[in-house]
Amino acid sequence: MGKPRQPSLAQLRAFAAVAEHLHFRDAAAAIGMSQPALSGAVSALEEALGVTLVERTTRKVLLSPAGERLAVRAKAVLAEVGALLEEAAALRAPFTGALRLGVIPTVAPYVLPTVLRLVHDRYPDLDLQVHEEQTASLLDGLTSGRLDLLLLAVPLGMPGVTELPLFDEEFVLVTPLDHRLGGREGIPRAALRSLHLLLLDEGHCLRDQALEICREAGRADVPATTTAAGLSTLVQLVAGGLGVTLLPRTAVRVETSRSSRLLTGYFADPAPTRRIALAMRTGAARSAEYGQLAASLREALRELPVRIVGDEGAADEASLGAQALGPHQPE
C-alpha cells in the first residue's frame, strides 16, 4: 500500500460533520455543502488515507472502527485551524469579524436587547451571531470551537473555561391573584417548603437553580407534576392557577405583563439569587476583547433590576483590554 496522501481541510470538515450527525443530508446542511459534494469529499479522504471511515447502509450511516478513531483526530485538527484563523483575525483588528455568542433561554429575551444595543452603538464592525441553546449544548459548542463566547448562569466549574461575571439578580415568587403570598414582601424562604412549585423541563439551568433554592430552604424534593419548556408557558400556567413559580427579576416585566391574573412576591433578605456571566475558553485569542466587552456590558446592564458585580474586576479587564488592544479603541 502506498503512502497516504495529504488530506484537505474540506475533506476533514466533511468527515467530521458526518461523524457528528451520522447522516449525509444533515451533515451537508450543517456545513453548507451539497450532499453529493460531501459524499465525494468523504470518499476522497478514505482514498487519501487508505482506510474505510464510514459504513454506508440503506438505512443509516455508521463509523468504522478506523472512522471512530480518526474522527477524534479530525476534530482536533479543525479546532486548531479554527484557533489559528481566530488569532489571525484578532491580530488584524479588535472588535471586527464574527463573534458567535451563545445564550441560555432564560436570559436571552430579557438581557439580549441591552447586549444588541451596546454592540450596535459601540462596536458597529462586530458581526454578532446569536445562538440560543441550553447550557450543556452551549458548553459543548464553546469547547469544540463552534461558539466563541457564552452568556449564561454560573458557576460552571468547568476546566478550561473562564467566567467574567456581570451581575446578580434576585428570584421573585410569581403567584395567581388569589394566592396567600401574592404581592407580599419579606417572604421567608421557608415558605417554599409547602408551595406547589412549577418548574421548567429538565436541561434548563433555571430548573436546577430553583431546586437548589428549595433544598436550601429545607425542602427535599419538588414533584414534577407539570413542567414547561419556557418561562412564558410557565408563567401562564401560574396565571391559570396550577401553582406558583420562581422567576428571575430580569424576566418579571416581560413575562407578567401578559396576564392580569398574576402577582409578584419578594423574598426577605438575603433573597435567593443567580449570577449571570460571560464565559470564554481560557486563553482564547480574543481574551482582551472579551474582557473589555464584559466591562462595557456591566455599565450598560445597570438599567436592569440587577446588582452589578466585579466592578473592580471590570476596571482591571478594561485596563487589560486597553493594553492588549493598543491605541485603536471604539468610541
Protein backbone atom coordinates (compact mmCIF):
# COMPACT_ATOMS: atom_id res chain seq x y z
CA MET A 1 0.00 0.00 0.00
CA GLY A 2 1.34 3.42 -0.95
CA LYS A 3 1.98 6.27 1.40
CA PRO A 4 -1.22 8.09 2.44
CA ARG A 5 -1.77 11.42 0.66
CA GLN A 6 -2.24 14.70 2.48
CA PRO A 7 -5.97 15.23 3.21
CA SER A 8 -7.56 18.61 2.57
CA LEU A 9 -9.35 20.69 5.18
CA ALA A 10 -12.56 20.38 3.16
CA GLN A 11 -12.30 16.59 3.35
CA LEU A 12 -11.67 16.66 7.08
CA ARG A 13 -14.56 19.08 7.61
CA ALA A 14 -16.91 16.83 5.63
CA PHE A 15 -15.86 13.73 7.55
CA ALA A 16 -16.16 15.48 10.92
CA ALA A 17 -19.71 16.57 10.04
CA VAL A 18 -20.68 13.02 9.05
CA ALA A 19 -19.13 11.68 12.26
CA GLU A 20 -21.19 14.15 14.29
CA HIS A 21 -24.54 13.75 12.53
CA LEU A 22 -24.28 10.16 11.19
CA HIS A 23 -26.45 11.35 8.33
CA PHE A 24 -25.18 12.67 4.99
CA ARG A 25 -28.04 15.11 4.37
CA ASP A 26 -27.89 16.61 7.85
CA ALA A 27 -24.09 16.79 7.74
CA ALA A 28 -24.16 18.54 4.37
CA ALA A 29 -26.70 21.08 5.62
CA ALA A 30 -24.65 21.73 8.76
CA ILE A 31 -21.55 22.81 6.82
CA GLY A 32 -23.28 24.36 3.81
CA MET A 33 -22.19 21.75 1.31
CA SER A 34 -24.24 19.80 -1.21
CA GLN A 35 -24.82 16.16 -0.31
CA PRO A 36 -23.01 14.80 -3.41
CA ALA A 37 -20.03 17.06 -2.72
CA LEU A 38 -19.89 15.94 0.90
CA SER A 39 -20.09 12.27 -0.04
CA GLY A 40 -17.35 12.79 -2.60
CA ALA A 41 -15.14 14.56 -0.04
CA VAL A 42 -15.50 11.69 2.43
CA SER A 43 -14.72 9.14 -0.28
CA ALA A 44 -11.69 11.16 -1.34
CA LEU A 45 -10.48 11.25 2.27
CA GLU A 46 -10.87 7.48 2.55
CA GLU A 47 -8.85 7.07 -0.63
CA ALA A 48 -6.18 9.52 0.54
CA LEU A 49 -5.77 7.78 3.91
CA GLY A 50 -6.19 4.26 2.59
CA VAL A 51 -8.80 3.26 5.18
CA THR A 52 -12.59 2.92 5.27
CA LEU A 53 -14.05 5.57 7.56
CA VAL A 54 -17.79 5.20 7.03
CA GLU A 55 -20.05 2.18 6.66
CA ARG A 56 -22.94 3.14 4.39
CA THR A 57 -26.23 1.23 4.51
CA THR A 58 -29.64 1.97 3.06
CA ARG A 59 -30.99 2.95 6.48
CA LYS A 60 -28.19 4.68 8.36
CA VAL A 61 -24.55 5.72 8.46
CA LEU A 62 -22.07 4.17 10.87
CA LEU A 63 -18.43 4.91 11.55
CA SER A 64 -15.98 2.07 11.06
CA PRO A 65 -13.54 1.32 13.90
CA ALA A 66 -10.94 3.35 11.99
CA GLY A 67 -13.51 6.12 11.50
CA GLU A 68 -14.21 6.26 15.23
CA ARG A 69 -10.52 6.81 15.99
CA LEU A 70 -9.76 9.22 13.18
CA ALA A 71 -12.88 11.34 13.82
CA VAL A 72 -11.30 12.47 17.08
CA ARG A 73 -8.11 13.46 15.24
CA ALA A 74 -10.04 15.24 12.50
CA LYS A 75 -11.98 17.34 15.02
CA ALA A 76 -8.76 18.25 16.83
CA VAL A 77 -7.11 19.35 13.57
CA LEU A 78 -10.12 21.50 12.62
CA ALA A 79 -10.20 23.05 16.09
CA GLU A 80 -6.54 24.02 15.80
CA VAL A 81 -7.08 25.51 12.35
CA GLY A 82 -10.05 27.46 13.71
CA ALA A 83 -7.88 28.77 16.56
CA LEU A 84 -5.22 29.84 14.06
CA LEU A 85 -7.78 31.77 11.99
CA GLU A 86 -9.30 33.30 15.14
CA GLU A 87 -5.91 34.52 16.36
CA ALA A 88 -5.08 35.97 12.95
CA ALA A 89 -8.41 37.83 12.88
CA ALA A 90 -7.83 39.17 16.39
CA LEU A 91 -4.40 40.44 15.39
CA ARG A 92 -5.80 42.27 12.38
CA ALA A 93 -8.26 44.47 14.26
CA PRO A 94 -10.19 44.27 17.56
CA PHE A 95 -13.98 44.16 17.62
CA THR A 96 -14.28 43.18 13.98
CA GLY A 97 -15.33 39.98 12.26
CA ALA A 98 -17.71 37.36 13.60
CA LEU A 99 -18.45 36.78 17.28
CA ARG A 100 -20.59 33.71 17.89
CA LEU A 101 -22.45 34.32 21.17
CA GLY A 102 -24.38 31.53 22.88
CA VAL A 103 -27.17 32.49 25.30
CA ILE A 104 -29.42 30.40 27.57
CA PRO A 105 -33.20 30.74 27.02
CA THR A 106 -33.87 32.18 30.49
CA VAL A 107 -31.52 35.11 29.77
CA ALA A 108 -31.90 35.75 26.04
CA PRO A 109 -35.27 37.61 25.87
CA TYR A 110 -34.50 39.88 28.82
CA VAL A 111 -30.79 40.73 28.53
CA LEU A 112 -30.13 40.45 24.79
CA PRO A 113 -31.82 43.78 23.93
CA THR A 114 -29.20 45.55 26.06
CA VAL A 115 -26.39 43.47 24.57
CA LEU A 116 -27.52 44.11 20.99
CA ARG A 117 -27.91 47.83 21.56
CA LEU A 118 -24.42 48.04 23.06
CA VAL A 119 -22.84 46.15 20.17
CA HIS A 120 -24.73 48.21 17.59
CA ASP A 121 -23.76 51.53 19.16
CA ARG A 122 -20.22 50.83 20.37
CA TYR A 123 -18.89 48.00 18.20
CA PRO A 124 -20.57 48.52 14.80
CA ASP A 125 -17.94 46.46 12.93
CA LEU A 126 -18.53 43.39 15.09
CA ASP A 127 -20.61 40.70 13.35
CA LEU A 128 -22.55 39.35 16.34
CA GLN A 129 -24.16 35.95 15.71
CA VAL A 130 -26.54 34.75 18.46
CA HIS A 131 -27.34 31.12 19.29
CA GLU A 132 -29.96 30.35 21.95
CA GLU A 133 -29.39 26.90 23.48
CA GLN A 134 -29.42 25.15 26.84
CA THR A 135 -26.31 25.20 29.00
CA ALA A 136 -24.96 21.75 28.12
CA SER A 137 -25.18 22.45 24.40
CA LEU A 138 -23.57 25.87 24.81
CA LEU A 139 -20.62 24.46 26.74
CA ASP A 140 -20.13 21.77 24.12
CA GLY A 141 -20.19 24.47 21.46
CA LEU A 142 -17.65 26.58 23.35
CA THR A 143 -15.17 23.76 23.93
CA SER A 144 -15.49 22.46 20.36
CA GLY A 145 -14.95 25.93 18.87
CA ARG A 146 -18.46 26.23 17.40
CA LEU A 147 -19.14 29.19 19.75
CA ASP A 148 -16.80 31.95 20.92
CA LEU A 149 -18.49 33.39 23.98
CA LEU A 150 -21.40 32.42 26.23
CA LEU A 151 -23.91 34.43 28.27
CA LEU A 152 -25.30 32.17 30.98
CA ALA A 153 -25.71 31.40 34.68
CA VAL A 154 -22.61 30.49 36.68
CA PRO A 155 -20.67 28.99 38.40
CA LEU A 156 -19.89 26.36 35.80
CA GLY A 157 -16.92 24.71 37.48
CA MET A 158 -15.59 23.58 34.12
CA PRO A 159 -11.85 23.29 33.45
CA GLY A 160 -10.64 25.34 30.52
CA VAL A 161 -13.50 27.85 30.79
CA THR A 162 -13.02 31.34 32.25
CA GLU A 163 -16.01 33.23 33.69
CA LEU A 164 -16.40 37.02 33.50
CA PRO A 165 -19.18 37.84 36.00
CA LEU A 166 -21.68 40.51 35.02
CA PHE A 167 -24.48 40.71 37.56
CA ASP A 168 -26.51 39.02 40.28
CA GLU A 169 -30.30 39.07 40.14
CA GLU A 170 -32.88 38.08 42.71
CA PHE A 171 -35.59 35.49 42.25
CA VAL A 172 -39.17 36.52 42.94
CA LEU A 173 -42.26 34.44 43.61
CA VAL A 174 -44.95 34.67 40.92
CA THR A 175 -48.41 33.59 42.10
CA PRO A 176 -52.06 33.65 40.98
CA LEU A 177 -54.19 36.58 42.19
CA ASP A 178 -55.84 34.64 44.99
CA HIS A 179 -52.67 33.14 46.48
CA ARG A 180 -51.93 33.94 50.13
CA LEU A 181 -48.39 35.09 49.29
CA GLY A 182 -49.35 37.11 46.22
CA GLY A 183 -47.80 40.58 46.20
CA ARG A 184 -46.19 40.20 49.62
CA GLU A 185 -42.73 41.43 50.61
CA GLY A 186 -40.36 39.83 53.07
CA ILE A 187 -41.45 36.28 52.21
CA PRO A 188 -39.28 33.80 54.17
CA ARG A 189 -37.51 31.15 52.13
CA ALA A 190 -39.06 28.55 54.41
CA ALA A 191 -42.39 29.26 52.67
CA LEU A 192 -41.06 27.31 49.68
CA ARG A 193 -41.33 24.07 51.67
CA SER A 194 -45.11 23.88 51.29
CA LEU A 195 -45.77 25.57 47.92
CA HIS A 196 -46.90 23.80 44.74
CA LEU A 197 -43.93 24.92 42.67
CA LEU A 198 -43.94 24.73 38.87
CA LEU A 199 -40.61 24.17 37.13
CA LEU A 200 -39.05 24.24 33.68
CA ASP A 201 -38.24 20.99 31.89
CA GLU A 202 -35.05 19.13 32.68
CA GLY A 203 -31.99 20.55 30.94
CA HIS A 204 -32.71 24.16 31.90
CA CYS A 205 -30.23 25.52 34.43
CA LEU A 206 -33.03 27.64 35.94
CA ARG A 207 -34.78 24.42 36.95
CA ASP A 208 -31.64 23.26 38.75
CA GLN A 209 -31.30 26.65 40.45
CA ALA A 210 -34.92 26.55 41.64
CA LEU A 211 -34.42 23.06 43.05
CA GLU A 212 -31.25 24.17 44.83
CA ILE A 213 -33.11 27.13 46.38
CA CYS A 214 -35.76 24.70 47.62
CA ARG A 215 -33.12 22.40 49.10
CA GLU A 216 -31.53 25.37 50.89
CA ALA A 217 -34.98 26.19 52.28
CA GLY A 218 -35.25 22.67 53.70
CA ARG A 219 -37.37 21.06 51.00
CA ALA A 220 -36.21 17.61 49.95
CA ASP A 221 -37.96 17.36 46.57
CA VAL A 222 -40.38 19.08 44.20
CA PRO A 223 -42.78 16.66 42.44
CA ALA A 224 -42.72 17.41 38.69
CA THR A 225 -46.46 17.06 38.05
CA THR A 226 -46.43 19.90 35.50
CA THR A 227 -43.44 21.40 33.69
CA ALA A 228 -42.89 23.86 30.85
CA ALA A 229 -40.34 24.29 28.06
CA GLY A 230 -40.04 28.07 28.57
CA LEU A 231 -40.73 30.83 31.07
CA SER A 232 -43.65 32.25 29.08
CA THR A 233 -45.55 28.97 29.32
CA LEU A 234 -44.54 28.55 32.95
CA VAL A 235 -45.98 31.95 33.90
CA GLN A 236 -49.21 31.26 32.02
CA LEU A 237 -49.60 28.02 33.98
CA VAL A 238 -49.33 30.09 37.14
CA ALA A 239 -51.94 32.53 35.83
CA GLY A 240 -54.21 29.55 35.26
CA GLY A 241 -53.98 28.59 38.91
CA LEU A 242 -51.84 25.47 38.56
CA GLY A 243 -49.24 26.61 41.09
CA VAL A 244 -46.52 29.20 41.70
CA THR A 245 -43.03 29.63 40.25
CA LEU A 246 -39.70 31.35 40.77
CA LEU A 247 -38.79 33.97 38.21
CA PRO A 248 -35.52 35.95 37.81
CA ARG A 249 -36.06 39.69 38.22
CA THR A 250 -35.00 40.49 34.65
CA ALA A 251 -37.88 38.38 33.35
CA VAL A 252 -40.64 39.82 35.54
CA ARG A 253 -41.71 42.82 33.43
CA VAL A 254 -41.82 40.89 30.16
CA GLU A 255 -43.49 37.73 31.43
CA THR A 256 -46.01 39.06 33.95
CA SER A 257 -47.27 41.82 31.64
CA ARG A 258 -49.01 39.20 29.51
CA SER A 259 -51.64 38.45 32.16
CA SER A 260 -53.61 40.45 34.70
CA ARG A 261 -54.07 37.35 36.85
CA LEU A 262 -50.60 37.37 38.40
CA LEU A 263 -48.96 38.85 41.46
CA THR A 264 -45.26 39.14 42.30
CA GLY A 265 -43.93 38.45 45.81
CA TYR A 266 -40.47 39.35 47.10
CA PHE A 267 -38.30 37.34 49.47
CA ALA A 268 -36.79 38.58 52.71
CA ASP A 269 -33.09 39.45 52.62
CA PRO A 270 -30.95 37.74 51.66
CA ALA A 271 -33.16 36.82 48.72
CA PRO A 272 -32.20 33.84 46.53
CA THR A 273 -30.16 34.97 43.54
CA ARG A 274 -28.41 33.74 40.45
CA ARG A 275 -25.25 35.09 38.83
CA ILE A 276 -25.01 35.78 35.11
CA ALA A 277 -21.64 35.93 33.38
CA LEU A 278 -19.82 35.75 30.09
CA ALA A 279 -17.81 32.56 29.64
CA MET A 280 -14.89 32.05 27.26
CA ARG A 281 -12.25 29.45 26.56
CA THR A 282 -9.31 30.04 28.90
CA GLY A 283 -6.51 31.62 26.91
CA ALA A 284 -8.73 32.48 23.93
CA ALA A 285 -7.02 34.66 21.35
CA ARG A 286 -9.61 37.40 21.86
CA SER A 287 -9.49 37.34 25.69
CA ALA A 288 -8.69 41.05 25.89
CA GLU A 289 -11.68 41.92 23.71
CA TYR A 290 -13.98 39.74 25.78
CA GLY A 291 -12.75 41.37 28.98
CA GLN A 292 -13.43 44.83 27.60
CA LEU A 293 -16.84 43.72 26.33
CA ALA A 294 -17.69 42.42 29.81
CA ALA A 295 -16.71 45.77 31.35
CA SER A 296 -18.87 47.64 28.84
CA LEU A 297 -21.78 45.30 29.44
CA ARG A 298 -21.67 45.86 33.19
CA GLU A 299 -22.22 49.54 32.65
CA ALA A 300 -24.99 49.03 30.10
CA LEU A 301 -26.80 46.49 32.28
CA ARG A 302 -27.21 48.92 35.18
CA GLU A 303 -30.57 49.89 33.65
CA LEU A 304 -31.93 46.43 34.55
CA PRO A 305 -33.15 45.36 38.03
CA VAL A 306 -29.85 43.65 38.84
CA ARG A 307 -26.81 44.08 41.07
CA ILE A 308 -23.64 44.59 39.02
CA VAL A 309 -20.71 42.51 40.26
CA GLY A 310 -16.97 42.71 39.76
CA ASP A 311 -16.71 46.46 39.38
CA GLU A 312 -13.02 46.27 40.38
CA GLY A 313 -12.63 43.33 38.01
CA ALA A 314 -14.30 45.36 35.29
CA ALA A 315 -11.71 48.10 35.67
CA ASP A 316 -8.91 45.54 35.56
CA GLU A 317 -10.38 43.91 32.44
CA ALA A 318 -10.83 47.27 30.70
CA SER A 319 -7.21 48.11 31.52
CA LEU A 320 -6.08 44.73 30.22
CA GLY A 321 -8.07 45.26 27.05
CA ALA A 322 -6.59 48.73 26.54
CA GLN A 323 -3.05 47.43 26.95
CA ALA A 324 -3.58 44.49 24.62
CA LEU A 325 -5.63 46.27 22.00
CA GLY A 326 -3.39 49.29 21.66
CA PRO A 327 -4.47 52.79 20.68
CA HIS A 328 -7.38 51.76 18.42
CA GLN A 329 -10.41 51.95 20.73
CA PRO A 330 -14.06 52.11 19.66
CA GLU A 331 -15.91 55.23 20.64
